[in-house]
């Protein structure tokens, strides 16, 4: 997705794009921190 598509989705559905963004961040953290921080964040969200 490009920035324009991201902005369009964010304008139409802020909670949805926020959840997707957070899940992407969690997956990135899982690579860098061996899933320790990611599991904590994911537990708080779910």
PDB file of N, CA and C in Angstrom:
ATOM      1  N   UNK A   1       0.836  -1.207   0.000  1.00  0.00           N
ATOM      2  CA  UNK A   1       0.000   0.000   0.000  1.00  0.00           C
ATOM      3  C   UNK A   1       0.868   1.253   0.000  1.00  0.00           C
ATOM      4  N   UNK A   2       0.396   2.272  -0.693  1.00  0.00           N
ATOM      5  CA  UNK A   2       1.125   3.532  -0.684  1.00  0.00           C
ATOM      6  C   UNK A   2       0.539   4.473   0.356  1.00  0.00           C
ATOM      7  N   UNK A   3       1.152   5.630   0.511  1.00  0.00           N
ATOM      8  CA  UNK A   3       0.716   6.571   1.544  1.00  0.00           C
ATOM      9  C   UNK A   3      -0.701   7.069   1.263  1.00  0.00           C
ATOM     10  N   UNK A   4      -1.024   7.294   0.008  1.00  0.00           N
ATOM     11  CA  UNK A   4      -2.363   7.757  -0.341  1.00  0.00           C
ATOM     12  C   UNK A   4      -3.440   6.766   0.083  1.00  0.00           C
ATOM     13  N   UNK A   5      -3.191   5.482  -0.146  1.00  0.00           N
ATOM     14  CA  UNK A   5      -4.151   4.453   0.259  1.00  0.00           C
ATOM     15  C   UNK A   5      -4.260   4.397   1.777  1.00  0.00           C
ATOM     16  N   UNK A   6      -3.130   4.541   2.459  1.00  0.00           N
ATOM     17  CA  UNK A   6      -3.156   4.545   3.922  1.00  0.00           C
ATOM     18  C   UNK A   6      -3.975   5.711   4.454  1.00  0.00           C
ATOM     19  N   UNK A   7      -3.798   6.894   3.882  1.00  0.00           N
ATOM     20  CA  UNK A   7      -4.552   8.063   4.326  1.00  0.00           C
ATOM     21  C   UNK A   7      -6.035   7.899   4.034  1.00  0.00           C
ATOM     22  N   UNK A   8      -6.366   7.326   2.887  1.00  0.00           N
ATOM     23  CA  UNK A   8      -7.768   7.123   2.537  1.00  0.00           C
ATOM     24  C   UNK A   8      -8.427   6.165   3.518  1.00  0.00           C
ATOM     25  N   UNK A   9      -7.737   5.087   3.863  1.00  0.00           N
ATOM     26  CA  UNK A   9      -8.280   4.136   4.827  1.00  0.00           C
ATOM     27  C   UNK A   9      -8.406   4.783   6.199  1.00  0.00           C
ATOM     28  N   UNK A  10      -7.406   5.587   6.564  1.00  0.00           N
ATOM     29  CA  UNK A  10      -7.418   6.221   7.886  1.00  0.00           C
ATOM     30  C   UNK A  10      -8.579   7.201   7.997  1.00  0.00           C
ATOM     31  N   UNK A  11      -8.864   7.928   6.933  1.00  0.00           N
ATOM     32  CA  UNK A  11      -9.983   8.878   6.951  1.00  0.00           C
ATOM     33  C   UNK A  11     -11.316   8.144   7.040  1.00  0.00           C
ATOM     34  N   UNK A  12     -11.413   7.004   6.396  1.00  0.00           N
ATOM     35  CA  UNK A  12     -12.678   6.270   6.374  1.00  0.00           C
ATOM     36  C   UNK A  12     -12.870   5.443   7.641  1.00  0.00           C
ATOM     37  N   UNK A  13     -11.781   4.895   8.162  1.00  0.00           N
ATOM     38  CA  UNK A  13     -11.915   3.956   9.269  1.00  0.00           C
ATOM     39  C   UNK A  13     -10.714   4.067  10.206  1.00  0.00           C
ATOM     40  N   UNK A  14     -10.637   5.136  11.013  1.00  0.00           N
ATOM     41  CA  UNK A  14      -9.484   5.328  11.898  1.00  0.00           C
ATOM     42  C   UNK A  14      -9.204   4.150  12.823  1.00  0.00           C
ATOM     43  N   UNK A  15     -10.201   3.542  13.488  1.00  0.00           N
ATOM     44  CA  UNK A  15      -9.894   2.431  14.391  1.00  0.00           C
ATOM     45  C   UNK A  15      -9.300   1.236  13.655  1.00  0.00           C
ATOM     46  N   UNK A  16      -9.800   0.972  12.441  1.00  0.00           N
ATOM     47  CA  UNK A  16      -9.314  -0.187  11.688  1.00  0.00           C
ATOM     48  C   UNK A  16      -7.850  -0.008  11.310  1.00  0.00           C
ATOM     49  N   UNK A  17      -7.504   1.147  10.754  1.00  0.00           N
ATOM     50  CA  UNK A  17      -6.127   1.375  10.333  1.00  0.00           C
ATOM     51  C   UNK A  17      -5.208   1.448  11.545  1.00  0.00           C
ATOM     52  N   UNK A  18      -5.725   1.920  12.674  1.00  0.00           N
ATOM     53  CA  UNK A  18      -4.921   1.969  13.885  1.00  0.00           C
ATOM     54  C   UNK A  18      -4.594   0.563  14.362  1.00  0.00           C
ATOM     55  N   UNK A  19      -5.575  -0.327  14.322  1.00  0.00           N
ATOM     56  CA  UNK A  19      -5.345  -1.714  14.729  1.00  0.00           C
ATOM     57  C   UNK A  19      -4.324  -2.376  13.809  1.00  0.00           C
ATOM     58  N   UNK A  20      -4.459  -2.159  12.511  1.00  0.00           N
ATOM     59  CA  UNK A  20      -3.506  -2.727  11.556  1.00  0.00           C
ATOM     60  C   UNK A  20      -2.108  -2.181  11.818  1.00  0.00           C
ATOM     61  N   UNK A  21      -2.006  -0.879  12.057  1.00  0.00           N
ATOM     62  CA  UNK A  21      -0.721  -0.241  12.318  1.00  0.00           C
ATOM     63  C   UNK A  21      -0.077  -0.806  13.567  1.00  0.00           C
ATOM     64  N   UNK A  22      -0.868  -0.973  14.627  1.00  0.00           N
ATOM     65  CA  UNK A  22      -0.350  -1.524  15.879  1.00  0.00           C
ATOM     66  C   UNK A  22       0.113  -2.962  15.679  1.00  0.00           C
ATOM     67  N   UNK A  23      -0.647  -3.760  14.934  1.00  0.00           N
ATOM     68  CA  UNK A  23      -0.242  -5.140  14.685  1.00  0.00           C
ATOM     69  C   UNK A  23       1.061  -5.203  13.896  1.00  0.00           C
ATOM     70  N   UNK A  24       1.250  -4.266  12.955  1.00  0.00           N
ATOM     71  CA  UNK A  24       2.510  -4.202  12.219  1.00  0.00           C
ATOM     72  C   UNK A  24       3.653  -3.866  13.166  1.00  0.00           C
ATOM     73  N   UNK A  25       3.429  -2.888  14.056  1.00  0.00           N
ATOM     74  CA  UNK A  25       4.450  -2.543  15.033  1.00  0.00           C
ATOM     75  C   UNK A  25       4.782  -3.724  15.930  1.00  0.00           C
ATOM     76  N   UNK A  26       3.749  -4.452  16.365  1.00  0.00           N
ATOM     77  CA  UNK A  26       3.965  -5.617  17.221  1.00  0.00           C
ATOM     78  C   UNK A  26       4.806  -6.665  16.501  1.00  0.00           C
ATOM     79  N   UNK A  27       4.537  -6.886  15.226  1.00  0.00           N
ATOM     80  CA  UNK A  27       5.307  -7.874  14.476  1.00  0.00           C
ATOM     81  C   UNK A  27       6.761  -7.429  14.313  1.00  0.00           C
ATOM     82  N   UNK A  28       6.975  -6.121  14.133  1.00  0.00           N
ATOM     83  CA  UNK A  28       8.340  -5.596  14.047  1.00  0.00           C
ATOM     84  C   UNK A  28       9.063  -5.766  15.379  1.00  0.00           C
ATOM     85  N   UNK A  29       8.366  -5.447  16.477  1.00  0.00           N
ATOM     86  CA  UNK A  29       8.964  -5.613  17.799  1.00  0.00           C
ATOM     87  C   UNK A  29       9.296  -7.075  18.076  1.00  0.00           C
ATOM     88  N   UNK A  30       8.492  -8.000  17.569  1.00  0.00           N
ATOM     89  CA  UNK A  30       8.724  -9.417  17.828  1.00  0.00           C
ATOM     90  C   UNK A  30      10.041  -9.865  17.195  1.00  0.00           C
ATOM     91  N   UNK A  31      10.402  -9.266  16.055  1.00  0.00           N
ATOM     92  CA  UNK A  31      11.676  -9.605  15.439  1.00  0.00           C
ATOM     93  C   UNK A  31      12.846  -9.030  16.236  1.00  0.00           C
ATOM     94  N   UNK A  32      12.715  -7.804  16.699  1.00  0.00           N
ATOM     95  CA  UNK A  32      13.848  -7.130  17.326  1.00  0.00           C
ATOM     96  C   UNK A  32      14.016  -7.495  18.792  1.00  0.00           C
ATOM     97  N   UNK A  33      12.901  -7.799  19.481  1.00  0.00           N
ATOM     98  CA  UNK A  33      12.975  -8.038  20.923  1.00  0.00           C
ATOM     99  C   UNK A  33      12.618  -9.469  21.317  1.00  0.00           C
ATOM    100  N   UNK A  34      12.680 -10.383  20.344  1.00  0.00           N
ATOM    101  CA  UNK A  34      12.476 -11.806  20.622  1.00  0.00           C
ATOM    102  C   UNK A  34      11.111 -12.058  21.245  1.00  0.00           C
ATOM    103  N   UNK A  35      10.103 -11.284  20.801  1.00  0.00           N
ATOM    104  CA  UNK A  35       8.704 -11.501  21.157  1.00  0.00           C
ATOM    105  C   UNK A  35       8.365 -11.151  22.599  1.00  0.00           C
ATOM    106  N   UNK A  36       9.308 -10.627  23.366  1.00  0.00           N
ATOM    107  CA  UNK A  36       9.015 -10.313  24.770  1.00  0.00           C
ATOM    108  C   UNK A  36       8.113  -9.082  24.866  1.00  0.00           C
ATOM    109  N   UNK A  37       8.522  -7.983  24.238  1.00  0.00           N
ATOM    110  CA  UNK A  37       7.713  -6.767  24.265  1.00  0.00           C
ATOM    111  C   UNK A  37       6.430  -6.950  23.457  1.00  0.00           C
ATOM    112  N   UNK A  38       6.538  -7.649  22.336  1.00  0.00           N
ATOM    113  CA  UNK A  38       5.368  -7.854  21.481  1.00  0.00           C
ATOM    114  C   UNK A  38       4.271  -8.613  22.209  1.00  0.00           C
ATOM    115  N   UNK A  39       4.655  -9.627  22.979  1.00  0.00           N
ATOM    116  CA  UNK A  39       3.643 -10.407  23.697  1.00  0.00           C
ATOM    117  C   UNK A  39       2.970  -9.564  24.771  1.00  0.00           C
ATOM    118  N   UNK A  40       3.722  -8.675  25.412  1.00  0.00           N
ATOM    119  CA  UNK A  40       3.141  -7.794  26.428  1.00  0.00           C
ATOM    120  C   UNK A  40       2.130  -6.844  25.781  1.00  0.00           C
ATOM    121  N   UNK A  41       2.512  -6.231  24.673  1.00  0.00           N
ATOM    122  CA  UNK A  41       1.622  -5.299  23.980  1.00  0.00           C
ATOM    123  C   UNK A  41       0.383  -6.026  23.470  1.00  0.00           C
ATOM    124  N   UNK A  42       0.590  -7.209  22.898  1.00  0.00           N
ATOM    125  CA  UNK A  42      -0.524  -7.964  22.342  1.00  0.00           C
ATOM    126  C   UNK A  42      -1.490  -8.393  23.435  1.00  0.00           C
ATOM    127  N   UNK A  43      -0.974  -8.748  24.595  1.00  0.00           N
ATOM    128  CA  UNK A  43      -1.842  -9.123  25.712  1.00  0.00           C
ATOM    129  C   UNK A  43      -2.673  -7.937  26.185  1.00  0.00           C
ATOM    130  N   UNK A  44      -2.108  -6.742  26.164  1.00  0.00           N
ATOM    131  CA  UNK A  44      -2.864  -5.555  26.560  1.00  0.00           C
ATOM    132  C   UNK A  44      -3.972  -5.244  25.548  1.00  0.00           C
ATOM    133  N   UNK A  45      -3.725  -5.521  24.280  1.00  0.00           N
ATOM    134  CA  UNK A  45      -4.706  -5.211  23.244  1.00  0.00           C
ATOM    135  C   UNK A  45      -5.824  -6.238  23.188  1.00  0.00           C
ATOM    136  N   UNK A  46      -5.496  -7.499  23.474  1.00  0.00           N
ATOM    137  CA  UNK A  46      -6.473  -8.578  23.292  1.00  0.00           C
ATOM    138  C   UNK A  46      -6.845  -9.209  24.616  1.00  0.00           C
TER     139      UNK A  46
END
